[in-house]
């Protein structure tokens, strides 16, 4: 089997041990999307990274990072009202030139 659940459990634990100040929006988006694409819904990891994303400055996000975080939660069928409110704020602050077909 290519999907090693123990490996992903271990990686989730390692990810949660990384201090919040060491994360950026792209890193959060990449980890969330890796789990979501493989249909691995580690709720604890998703909630942890949502809290980190909420705490990041809006300037840390580009349109693609916003879209990727939202997409990961949608794929995982998870709702975090605070996260989506924050992503909405960040999206509204981005200019029209920040959006592209790839970013949305």
PDB file of N, CA and C in Angstrom:
ATOM      1  N   UNK A   1       0.847  -1.181   0.000  1.00  0.00           N
ATOM      2  CA  UNK A   1       0.000   0.000   0.000  1.00  0.00           C
ATOM      3  C   UNK A   1       0.886   1.235   0.000  1.00  0.00           C
ATOM      4  N   UNK A   2       0.571   2.172  -0.880  1.00  0.00           N
ATOM      5  CA  UNK A   2       1.362   3.394  -0.989  1.00  0.00           C
ATOM      6  C   UNK A   2       1.058   4.378   0.131  1.00  0.00           C
ATOM      7  N   UNK A   3      -0.125   4.316   0.664  1.00  0.00           N
ATOM      8  CA  UNK A   3      -0.534   5.242   1.708  1.00  0.00           C
ATOM      9  C   UNK A   3      -0.199   4.630   3.065  1.00  0.00           C
ATOM     10  N   UNK A   4       0.820   5.141   3.693  1.00  0.00           N
ATOM     11  CA  UNK A   4       1.280   4.639   4.975  1.00  0.00           C
ATOM     12  C   UNK A   4       0.677   5.504   6.078  1.00  0.00           C
ATOM     13  N   UNK A   5      -0.383   5.016   6.714  1.00  0.00           N
ATOM     14  CA  UNK A   5      -1.087   5.826   7.707  1.00  0.00           C
ATOM     15  C   UNK A   5      -0.206   6.176   8.901  1.00  0.00           C
ATOM     16  N   UNK A   6       0.698   5.281   9.269  1.00  0.00           N
ATOM     17  CA  UNK A   6       1.592   5.580  10.393  1.00  0.00           C
ATOM     18  C   UNK A   6       2.535   6.735  10.046  1.00  0.00           C
ATOM     19  N   UNK A   7       2.970   6.772   8.807  1.00  0.00           N
ATOM     20  CA  UNK A   7       3.836   7.867   8.363  1.00  0.00           C
ATOM     21  C   UNK A   7       3.088   9.192   8.481  1.00  0.00           C
ATOM     22  N   UNK A   8       1.843   9.230   8.015  1.00  0.00           N
ATOM     23  CA  UNK A   8       1.086  10.475   8.054  1.00  0.00           C
ATOM     24  C   UNK A   8       0.702  10.866   9.475  1.00  0.00           C
ATOM     25  N   UNK A   9       0.485   9.895  10.338  1.00  0.00           N
ATOM     26  CA  UNK A   9       0.252  10.199  11.762  1.00  0.00           C
ATOM     27  C   UNK A   9       1.508  10.839  12.350  1.00  0.00           C
ATOM     28  N   UNK A  10       2.655  10.259  12.037  1.00  0.00           N
ATOM     29  CA  UNK A  10       3.917  10.790  12.534  1.00  0.00           C
ATOM     30  C   UNK A  10       4.158  12.209  12.002  1.00  0.00           C
ATOM     31  N   UNK A  11       3.922  12.410  10.715  1.00  0.00           N
ATOM     32  CA  UNK A  11       4.110  13.737  10.122  1.00  0.00           C
ATOM     33  C   UNK A  11       3.151  14.761  10.734  1.00  0.00           C
ATOM     34  N   UNK A  12       1.943  14.334  11.039  1.00  0.00           N
ATOM     35  CA  UNK A  12       0.983  15.240  11.681  1.00  0.00           C
ATOM     36  C   UNK A  12       1.493  15.660  13.054  1.00  0.00           C
ATOM     37  N   UNK A  13       2.001  14.707  13.819  1.00  0.00           N
ATOM     38  CA  UNK A  13       2.545  15.033  15.137  1.00  0.00           C
ATOM     39  C   UNK A  13       3.729  15.986  15.016  1.00  0.00           C
ATOM     40  N   UNK A  14       4.607  15.720  14.059  1.00  0.00           N
ATOM     41  CA  UNK A  14       5.748  16.610  13.840  1.00  0.00           C
ATOM     42  C   UNK A  14       5.276  18.015  13.454  1.00  0.00           C
ATOM     43  N   UNK A  15       4.281  18.080  12.603  1.00  0.00           N
ATOM     44  CA  UNK A  15       3.746  19.375  12.168  1.00  0.00           C
ATOM     45  C   UNK A  15       3.178  20.155  13.346  1.00  0.00           C
ATOM     46  N   UNK A  16       2.522  19.452  14.247  1.00  0.00           N
ATOM     47  CA  UNK A  16       1.931  20.126  15.401  1.00  0.00           C
ATOM     48  C   UNK A  16       2.986  20.543  16.424  1.00  0.00           C
ATOM     49  N   UNK A  17       4.177  19.980  16.323  1.00  0.00           N
ATOM     50  CA  UNK A  17       5.278  20.365  17.218  1.00  0.00           C
ATOM     51  C   UNK A  17       6.046  21.585  16.719  1.00  0.00           C
ATOM     52  N   UNK A  18       5.827  21.948  15.468  1.00  0.00           N
ATOM     53  CA  UNK A  18       6.503  23.127  14.921  1.00  0.00           C
ATOM     54  C   UNK A  18       5.884  24.364  15.566  1.00  0.00           C
ATOM     55  N   UNK A  19       6.697  25.256  16.101  1.00  0.00           N
ATOM     56  CA  UNK A  19       6.145  26.452  16.747  1.00  0.00           C
ATOM     57  C   UNK A  19       5.351  27.300  15.752  1.00  0.00           C
ATOM     58  N   UNK A  20       4.261  27.902  16.199  1.00  0.00           N
ATOM     59  CA  UNK A  20       3.432  28.704  15.288  1.00  0.00           C
ATOM     60  C   UNK A  20       4.209  29.779  14.532  1.00  0.00           C
ATOM     61  N   UNK A  21       5.193  30.405  15.181  1.00  0.00           N
ATOM     62  CA  UNK A  21       5.943  31.474  14.512  1.00  0.00           C
ATOM     63  C   UNK A  21       6.792  30.955  13.346  1.00  0.00           C
ATOM     64  N   UNK A  22       6.993  29.652  13.264  1.00  0.00           N
ATOM     65  CA  UNK A  22       7.810  29.082  12.190  1.00  0.00           C
ATOM     66  C   UNK A  22       6.999  28.801  10.920  1.00  0.00           C
ATOM     67  N   UNK A  23       5.688  28.950  10.994  1.00  0.00           N
ATOM     68  CA  UNK A  23       4.820  28.677   9.849  1.00  0.00           C
ATOM     69  C   UNK A  23       4.599  29.937   9.021  1.00  0.00           C
ATOM     70  N   UNK A  24       4.351  29.723   7.733  1.00  0.00           N
ATOM     71  CA  UNK A  24       3.840  30.784   6.882  1.00  0.00           C
ATOM     72  C   UNK A  24       2.615  30.239   6.160  1.00  0.00           C
ATOM     73  N   UNK A  25       1.920  31.105   5.463  1.00  0.00           N
ATOM     74  CA  UNK A  25       0.666  30.703   4.810  1.00  0.00           C
ATOM     75  C   UNK A  25       0.878  29.592   3.797  1.00  0.00           C
ATOM     76  N   UNK A  26       1.963  29.672   3.036  1.00  0.00           N
ATOM     77  CA  UNK A  26       2.217  28.642   2.032  1.00  0.00           C
ATOM     78  C   UNK A  26       2.455  27.289   2.696  1.00  0.00           C
ATOM     79  N   UNK A  27       3.199  27.258   3.783  1.00  0.00           N
ATOM     80  CA  UNK A  27       3.454  26.003   4.490  1.00  0.00           C
ATOM     81  C   UNK A  27       2.189  25.383   5.026  1.00  0.00           C
ATOM     82  N   UNK A  28       1.333  26.213   5.622  1.00  0.00           N
ATOM     83  CA  UNK A  28       0.044  25.727   6.132  1.00  0.00           C
ATOM     84  C   UNK A  28      -0.768  25.144   4.986  1.00  0.00           C
ATOM     85  N   UNK A  29      -0.848  25.883   3.889  1.00  0.00           N
ATOM     86  CA  UNK A  29      -1.638  25.436   2.733  1.00  0.00           C
ATOM     87  C   UNK A  29      -1.107  24.126   2.156  1.00  0.00           C
ATOM     88  N   UNK A  30       0.205  23.991   2.063  1.00  0.00           N
ATOM     89  CA  UNK A  30       0.797  22.780   1.489  1.00  0.00           C
ATOM     90  C   UNK A  30       0.509  21.545   2.345  1.00  0.00           C
ATOM     91  N   UNK A  31       0.659  21.680   3.643  1.00  0.00           N
ATOM     92  CA  UNK A  31       0.408  20.529   4.519  1.00  0.00           C
ATOM     93  C   UNK A  31      -1.067  20.151   4.487  1.00  0.00           C
ATOM     94  N   UNK A  32      -1.942  21.140   4.608  1.00  0.00           N
ATOM     95  CA  UNK A  32      -3.378  20.847   4.575  1.00  0.00           C
ATOM     96  C   UNK A  32      -3.775  20.171   3.266  1.00  0.00           C
ATOM     97  N   UNK A  33      -3.256  20.688   2.160  1.00  0.00           N
ATOM     98  CA  UNK A  33      -3.614  20.101   0.867  1.00  0.00           C
ATOM     99  C   UNK A  33      -3.067  18.707   0.683  1.00  0.00           C
ATOM    100  N   UNK A  34      -1.889  18.425   1.215  1.00  0.00           N
ATOM    101  CA  UNK A  34      -1.335  17.073   1.101  1.00  0.00           C
ATOM    102  C   UNK A  34      -2.269  16.069   1.771  1.00  0.00           C
ATOM    103  N   UNK A  35      -2.741  16.399   2.952  1.00  0.00           N
ATOM    104  CA  UNK A  35      -3.648  15.497   3.665  1.00  0.00           C
ATOM    105  C   UNK A  35      -5.005  15.411   2.967  1.00  0.00           C
ATOM    106  N   UNK A  36      -5.521  16.557   2.539  1.00  0.00           N
ATOM    107  CA  UNK A  36      -6.839  16.560   1.898  1.00  0.00           C
ATOM    108  C   UNK A  36      -6.833  15.795   0.579  1.00  0.00           C
ATOM    109  N   UNK A  37      -5.779  15.929  -0.208  1.00  0.00           N
ATOM    110  CA  UNK A  37      -5.709  15.236  -1.503  1.00  0.00           C
ATOM    111  C   UNK A  37      -5.675  13.721  -1.334  1.00  0.00           C
ATOM    112  N   UNK A  38      -5.133  13.273  -0.216  1.00  0.00           N
ATOM    113  CA  UNK A  38      -5.063  11.832   0.039  1.00  0.00           C
ATOM    114  C   UNK A  38      -6.241  11.343   0.886  1.00  0.00           C
ATOM    115  N   UNK A  39      -7.210  12.225   1.105  1.00  0.00           N
ATOM    116  CA  UNK A  39      -8.391  11.900   1.920  1.00  0.00           C
ATOM    117  C   UNK A  39      -8.018  11.463   3.333  1.00  0.00           C
ATOM    118  N   UNK A  40      -6.979  12.093   3.869  1.00  0.00           N
ATOM    119  CA  UNK A  40      -6.587  11.847   5.253  1.00  0.00           C
ATOM    120  C   UNK A  40      -7.092  13.032   6.061  1.00  0.00           C
ATOM    121  N   UNK A  41      -8.125  12.813   6.813  1.00  0.00           N
ATOM    122  CA  UNK A  41      -8.715  13.892   7.598  1.00  0.00           C
ATOM    123  C   UNK A  41      -8.275  13.722   9.047  1.00  0.00           C
ATOM    124  N   UNK A  42      -7.195  14.385   9.372  1.00  0.00           N
ATOM    125  CA  UNK A  42      -6.691  14.405  10.735  1.00  0.00           C
ATOM    126  C   UNK A  42      -7.239  15.701  11.346  1.00  0.00           C
ATOM    127  N   UNK A  43      -8.380  15.577  12.013  1.00  0.00           N
ATOM    128  CA  UNK A  43      -9.079  16.756  12.515  1.00  0.00           C
ATOM    129  C   UNK A  43      -8.207  17.581  13.441  1.00  0.00           C
ATOM    130  N   UNK A  44      -7.428  16.917  14.277  1.00  0.00           N
ATOM    131  CA  UNK A  44      -6.556  17.638  15.199  1.00  0.00           C
ATOM    132  C   UNK A  44      -5.544  18.490  14.427  1.00  0.00           C
ATOM    133  N   UNK A  45      -4.956  17.930  13.390  1.00  0.00           N
ATOM    134  CA  UNK A  45      -3.993  18.669  12.572  1.00  0.00           C
ATOM    135  C   UNK A  45      -4.680  19.831  11.856  1.00  0.00           C
ATOM    136  N   UNK A  46      -5.821  19.584  11.272  1.00  0.00           N
ATOM    137  CA  UNK A  46      -6.541  20.641  10.547  1.00  0.00           C
ATOM    138  C   UNK A  46      -6.896  21.786  11.486  1.00  0.00           C
ATOM    139  N   UNK A  47      -7.394  21.464  12.677  1.00  0.00           N
ATOM    140  CA  UNK A  47      -7.761  22.506  13.651  1.00  0.00           C
ATOM    141  C   UNK A  47      -6.518  23.278  14.099  1.00  0.00           C
ATOM    142  N   UNK A  48      -5.446  22.565  14.316  1.00  0.00           N
ATOM    143  CA  UNK A  48      -4.194  23.192  14.740  1.00  0.00           C
ATOM    144  C   UNK A  48      -3.696  24.174  13.673  1.00  0.00           C
ATOM    145  N   UNK A  49      -3.688  23.727  12.429  1.00  0.00           N
ATOM    146  CA  UNK A  49      -3.205  24.594  11.352  1.00  0.00           C
ATOM    147  C   UNK A  49      -4.174  25.728  11.052  1.00  0.00           C
ATOM    148  N   UNK A  50      -5.461  25.513  11.297  1.00  0.00           N
ATOM    149  CA  UNK A  50      -6.438  26.597  11.148  1.00  0.00           C
ATOM    150  C   UNK A  50      -6.123  27.705  12.143  1.00  0.00           C
ATOM    151  N   UNK A  51      -5.835  27.322  13.381  1.00  0.00           N
ATOM    152  CA  UNK A  51      -5.502  28.322  14.403  1.00  0.00           C
ATOM    153  C   UNK A  51      -4.243  29.093  14.010  1.00  0.00           C
ATOM    154  N   UNK A  52      -3.284  28.403  13.449  1.00  0.00           N
ATOM    155  CA  UNK A  52      -2.056  29.074  13.006  1.00  0.00           C
ATOM    156  C   UNK A  52      -2.373  30.032  11.861  1.00  0.00           C
ATOM    157  N   UNK A  53      -3.158  29.575  10.894  1.00  0.00           N
ATOM    158  CA  UNK A  53      -3.512  30.428   9.752  1.00  0.00           C
ATOM    159  C   UNK A  53      -4.257  31.681  10.213  1.00  0.00           C
ATOM    160  N   UNK A  54      -5.140  31.515  11.171  1.00  0.00           N
ATOM    161  CA  UNK A  54      -5.894  32.664  11.691  1.00  0.00           C
ATOM    162  C   UNK A  54      -4.946  33.686  12.305  1.00  0.00           C
ATOM    163  N   UNK A  55      -3.893  33.222  12.946  1.00  0.00           N
ATOM    164  CA  UNK A  55      -2.951  34.106  13.605  1.00  0.00           C
ATOM    165  C   UNK A  55      -1.912  34.742  12.708  1.00  0.00           C
ATOM    166  N   UNK A  56      -1.807  34.282  11.481  1.00  0.00           N
ATOM    167  CA  UNK A  56      -0.818  34.852  10.564  1.00  0.00           C
ATOM    168  C   UNK A  56      -1.274  36.217  10.061  1.00  0.00           C
ATOM    169  N   UNK A  57      -0.337  37.119   9.836  1.00  0.00           N
ATOM    170  CA  UNK A  57      -0.724  38.405   9.254  1.00  0.00           C
ATOM    171  C   UNK A  57      -1.287  38.207   7.850  1.00  0.00           C
ATOM    172  N   UNK A  58      -2.262  39.017   7.516  1.00  0.00           N
ATOM    173  CA  UNK A  58      -2.865  38.921   6.188  1.00  0.00           C
ATOM    174  C   UNK A  58      -1.863  39.083   5.076  1.00  0.00           C
ATOM    175  N   UNK A  59      -0.831  39.875   5.313  1.00  0.00           N
ATOM    176  CA  UNK A  59       0.193  40.108   4.287  1.00  0.00           C
ATOM    177  C   UNK A  59       0.998  38.855   3.979  1.00  0.00           C
ATOM    178  N   UNK A  60       0.861  37.838   4.821  1.00  0.00           N
ATOM    179  CA  UNK A  60       1.580  36.577   4.622  1.00  0.00           C
ATOM    180  C   UNK A  60       0.905  35.715   3.558  1.00  0.00           C
ATOM    181  N   UNK A  61      -0.329  36.065   3.222  1.00  0.00           N
ATOM    182  CA  UNK A  61      -1.128  35.274   2.282  1.00  0.00           C
ATOM    183  C   UNK A  61      -1.130  35.909   0.900  1.00  0.00           C
ATOM    184  N   UNK A  62      -1.128  35.050  -0.100  1.00  0.00           N
ATOM    185  CA  UNK A  62      -1.478  35.481  -1.446  1.00  0.00           C
ATOM    186  C   UNK A  62      -2.775  34.751  -1.805  1.00  0.00           C
ATOM    187  N   UNK A  63      -3.319  35.057  -2.957  1.00  0.00           N
ATOM    188  CA  UNK A  63      -4.602  34.472  -3.347  1.00  0.00           C
ATOM    189  C   UNK A  63      -4.533  32.948  -3.410  1.00  0.00           C
ATOM    190  N   UNK A  64      -3.417  32.425  -3.868  1.00  0.00           N
ATOM    191  CA  UNK A  64      -3.296  30.970  -3.985  1.00  0.00           C
ATOM    192  C   UNK A  64      -3.291  30.305  -2.612  1.00  0.00           C
ATOM    193  N   UNK A  65      -2.623  30.883  -1.637  1.00  0.00           N
ATOM    194  CA  UNK A  65      -2.609  30.302  -0.293  1.00  0.00           C
ATOM    195  C   UNK A  65      -4.006  30.316   0.318  1.00  0.00           C
ATOM    196  N   UNK A  66      -4.729  31.418   0.133  1.00  0.00           N
ATOM    197  CA  UNK A  66      -6.111  31.494   0.625  1.00  0.00           C
ATOM    198  C   UNK A  66      -6.952  30.392  -0.009  1.00  0.00           C
ATOM    199  N   UNK A  67      -6.849  30.274  -1.328  1.00  0.00           N
ATOM    200  CA  UNK A  67      -7.628  29.265  -2.051  1.00  0.00           C
ATOM    201  C   UNK A  67      -7.252  27.849  -1.626  1.00  0.00           C
ATOM    202  N   UNK A  68      -5.972  27.597  -1.445  1.00  0.00           N
ATOM    203  CA  UNK A  68      -5.533  26.254  -1.080  1.00  0.00           C
ATOM    204  C   UNK A  68      -5.987  25.853   0.318  1.00  0.00           C
ATOM    205  N   UNK A  69      -5.952  26.783   1.257  1.00  0.00           N
ATOM    206  CA  UNK A  69      -6.431  26.478   2.609  1.00  0.00           C
ATOM    207  C   UNK A  69      -7.932  26.198   2.571  1.00  0.00           C
ATOM    208  N   UNK A  70      -8.682  27.049   1.894  1.00  0.00           N
ATOM    209  CA  UNK A  70     -10.132  26.843   1.789  1.00  0.00           C
ATOM    210  C   UNK A  70     -10.446  25.527   1.088  1.00  0.00           C
ATOM    211  N   UNK A  71      -9.709  25.224   0.032  1.00  0.00           N
ATOM    212  CA  UNK A  71      -9.923  23.981  -0.712  1.00  0.00           C
ATOM    213  C   UNK A  71      -9.658  22.753   0.156  1.00  0.00           C
ATOM    214  N   UNK A  72      -8.607  22.802   0.936  1.00  0.00           N
ATOM    215  CA  UNK A  72      -8.275  21.658   1.802  1.00  0.00           C
ATOM    216  C   UNK A  72      -9.400  21.392   2.792  1.00  0.00           C
ATOM    217  N   UNK A  73      -9.932  22.443   3.402  1.00  0.00           N
ATOM    218  CA  UNK A  73     -11.029  22.254   4.348  1.00  0.00           C
ATOM    219  C   UNK A  73     -12.286  21.755   3.643  1.00  0.00           C
ATOM    220  N   UNK A  74     -12.530  22.236   2.446  1.00  0.00           N
ATOM    221  CA  UNK A  74     -13.696  21.767   1.691  1.00  0.00           C
ATOM    222  C   UNK A  74     -13.550  20.294   1.335  1.00  0.00           C
ATOM    223  N   UNK A  75     -12.373  19.901   0.877  1.00  0.00           N
ATOM    224  CA  UNK A  75     -12.139  18.493   0.525  1.00  0.00           C
ATOM    225  C   UNK A  75     -12.272  17.583   1.737  1.00  0.00           C
ATOM    226  N   UNK A  76     -11.848  18.093   2.882  1.00  0.00           N
ATOM    227  CA  UNK A  76     -11.918  17.299   4.110  1.00  0.00           C
ATOM    228  C   UNK A  76     -13.308  17.357   4.741  1.00  0.00           C
ATOM    229  N   UNK A  77     -14.182  18.149   4.148  1.00  0.00           N
ATOM    230  CA  UNK A  77     -15.548  18.325   4.651  1.00  0.00           C
ATOM    231  C   UNK A  77     -15.550  18.823   6.096  1.00  0.00           C
ATOM    232  N   UNK A  78     -14.645  19.778   6.355  1.00  0.00           N
ATOM    233  CA  UNK A  78     -14.549  20.392   7.676  1.00  0.00           C
ATOM    234  C   UNK A  78     -14.933  21.862   7.570  1.00  0.00           C
ATOM    235  N   UNK A  79     -15.573  22.354   8.588  1.00  0.00           N
ATOM    236  CA  UNK A  79     -15.948  23.763   8.625  1.00  0.00           C
ATOM    237  C   UNK A  79     -15.321  24.395   9.851  1.00  0.00           C
ATOM    238  N   UNK A  80     -14.669  25.503   9.644  1.00  0.00           N
ATOM    239  CA  UNK A  80     -14.130  26.299  10.742  1.00  0.00           C
ATOM    240  C   UNK A  80     -14.542  27.733  10.457  1.00  0.00           C
ATOM    241  N   UNK A  81     -15.593  28.174  11.125  1.00  0.00           N
ATOM    242  CA  UNK A  81     -16.164  29.499  10.850  1.00  0.00           C
ATOM    243  C   UNK A  81     -15.146  30.612  11.059  1.00  0.00           C
ATOM    244  N   UNK A  82     -14.326  30.506  12.085  1.00  0.00           N
ATOM    245  CA  UNK A  82     -13.324  31.540  12.337  1.00  0.00           C
ATOM    246  C   UNK A  82     -12.278  31.586  11.235  1.00  0.00           C
ATOM    247  N   UNK A  83     -11.866  30.421  10.768  1.00  0.00           N
ATOM    248  CA  UNK A  83     -10.892  30.375   9.678  1.00  0.00           C
ATOM    249  C   UNK A  83     -11.480  30.995   8.418  1.00  0.00           C
ATOM    250  N   UNK A  84     -12.698  30.605   8.071  1.00  0.00           N
ATOM    251  CA  UNK A  84     -13.284  31.120   6.843  1.00  0.00           C
ATOM    252  C   UNK A  84     -13.566  32.614   6.932  1.00  0.00           C
ATOM    253  N   UNK A  85     -13.883  33.112   8.114  1.00  0.00           N
ATOM    254  CA  UNK A  85     -14.053  34.556   8.288  1.00  0.00           C
ATOM    255  C   UNK A  85     -12.720  35.266   8.056  1.00  0.00           C
ATOM    256  N   UNK A  86     -11.651  34.695   8.586  1.00  0.00           N
ATOM    257  CA  UNK A  86     -10.316  35.282   8.402  1.00  0.00           C
ATOM    258  C   UNK A  86      -9.888  35.224   6.940  1.00  0.00           C
ATOM    259  N   UNK A  87     -10.130  34.096   6.275  1.00  0.00           N
ATOM    260  CA  UNK A  87      -9.788  33.991   4.849  1.00  0.00           C
ATOM    261  C   UNK A  87     -10.584  34.992   4.020  1.00  0.00           C
ATOM    262  N   UNK A  88     -11.824  35.221   4.417  1.00  0.00           N
ATOM    263  CA  UNK A  88     -12.649  36.210   3.726  1.00  0.00           C
ATOM    264  C   UNK A  88     -12.064  37.609   3.881  1.00  0.00           C
ATOM    265  N   UNK A  89     -11.650  37.963   5.101  1.00  0.00           N
ATOM    266  CA  UNK A  89     -11.010  39.269   5.346  1.00  0.00           C
ATOM    267  C   UNK A  89      -9.767  39.433   4.473  1.00  0.00           C
ATOM    268  N   UNK A  90      -8.957  38.399   4.457  1.00  0.00           N
ATOM    269  CA  UNK A  90      -7.703  38.454   3.695  1.00  0.00           C
ATOM    270  C   UNK A  90      -8.001  38.590   2.207  1.00  0.00           C
ATOM    271  N   UNK A  91      -8.972  37.832   1.716  1.00  0.00           N
ATOM    272  CA  UNK A  91      -9.327  37.886   0.291  1.00  0.00           C
ATOM    273  C   UNK A  91      -9.793  39.270  -0.115  1.00  0.00           C
ATOM    274  N   UNK A  92     -10.570  39.899   0.759  1.00  0.00           N
ATOM    275  CA  UNK A  92     -11.078  41.248   0.460  1.00  0.00           C
ATOM    276  C   UNK A  92      -9.957  42.275   0.426  1.00  0.00           C
ATOM    277  N   UNK A  93      -8.892  42.032   1.164  1.00  0.00           N
ATOM    278  CA  UNK A  93      -7.762  42.961   1.202  1.00  0.00           C
ATOM    279  C   UNK A  93      -6.841  42.801  -0.008  1.00  0.00           C
ATOM    280  N   UNK A  94      -6.918  41.656  -0.668  1.00  0.00           N
ATOM    281  CA  UNK A  94      -6.086  41.432  -1.857  1.00  0.00           C
ATOM    282  C   UNK A  94      -6.666  42.226  -3.027  1.00  0.00           C
ATOM    283  N   UNK A  95      -5.809  42.676  -3.892  1.00  0.00           N
ATOM    284  CA  UNK A  95      -6.269  43.422  -5.054  1.00  0.00           C
ATOM    285  C   UNK A  95      -6.658  42.499  -6.195  1.00  0.00           C
ATOM    286  N   UNK A  96      -7.419  43.012  -7.150  1.00  0.00           N
ATOM    287  CA  UNK A  96      -7.843  42.193  -8.298  1.00  0.00           C
ATOM    288  C   UNK A  96      -6.664  41.582  -9.051  1.00  0.00           C
ATOM    289  N   UNK A  97      -5.549  42.269  -9.079  1.00  0.00           N
ATOM    290  CA  UNK A  97      -4.373  41.760  -9.770  1.00  0.00           C
ATOM    291  C   UNK A  97      -3.722  40.580  -9.067  1.00  0.00           C
ATOM    292  N   UNK A  98      -4.121  40.333  -7.810  1.00  0.00           N
ATOM    293  CA  UNK A  98      -3.570  39.219  -7.054  1.00  0.00           C
ATOM    294  C   UNK A  98      -4.201  37.892  -7.428  1.00  0.00           C
ATOM    295  N   UNK A  99      -5.315  37.957  -8.116  1.00  0.00           N
ATOM    296  CA  UNK A  99      -6.054  36.738  -8.452  1.00  0.00           C
ATOM    297  C   UNK A  99      -5.757  36.304  -9.881  1.00  0.00           C
ATOM    298  N   UNK A 100      -5.615  34.998 -10.056  1.00  0.00           N
ATOM    299  CA  UNK A 100      -5.415  34.409 -11.377  1.00  0.00           C
ATOM    300  C   UNK A 100      -6.209  33.121 -11.431  1.00  0.00           C
ATOM    301  N   UNK A 101      -6.277  32.524 -12.584  1.00  0.00           N
ATOM    302  CA  UNK A 101      -7.000  31.252 -12.716  1.00  0.00           C
ATOM    303  C   UNK A 101      -6.384  30.187 -11.802  1.00  0.00           C
ATOM    304  N   UNK A 102      -5.065  30.177 -11.675  1.00  0.00           N
ATOM    305  CA  UNK A 102      -4.406  29.198 -10.821  1.00  0.00           C
ATOM    306  C   UNK A 102      -4.692  29.478  -9.341  1.00  0.00           C
ATOM    307  N   UNK A 103      -4.787  30.743  -8.983  1.00  0.00           N
ATOM    308  CA  UNK A 103      -4.969  31.117  -7.587  1.00  0.00           C
ATOM    309  C   UNK A 103      -6.362  30.810  -7.065  1.00  0.00           C
ATOM    310  N   UNK A 104      -7.340  30.746  -7.940  1.00  0.00           N
ATOM    311  CA  UNK A 104      -8.688  30.437  -7.484  1.00  0.00           C
ATOM    312  C   UNK A 104      -9.065  29.065  -7.949  1.00  0.00           C
TER     313      UNK A 104
END
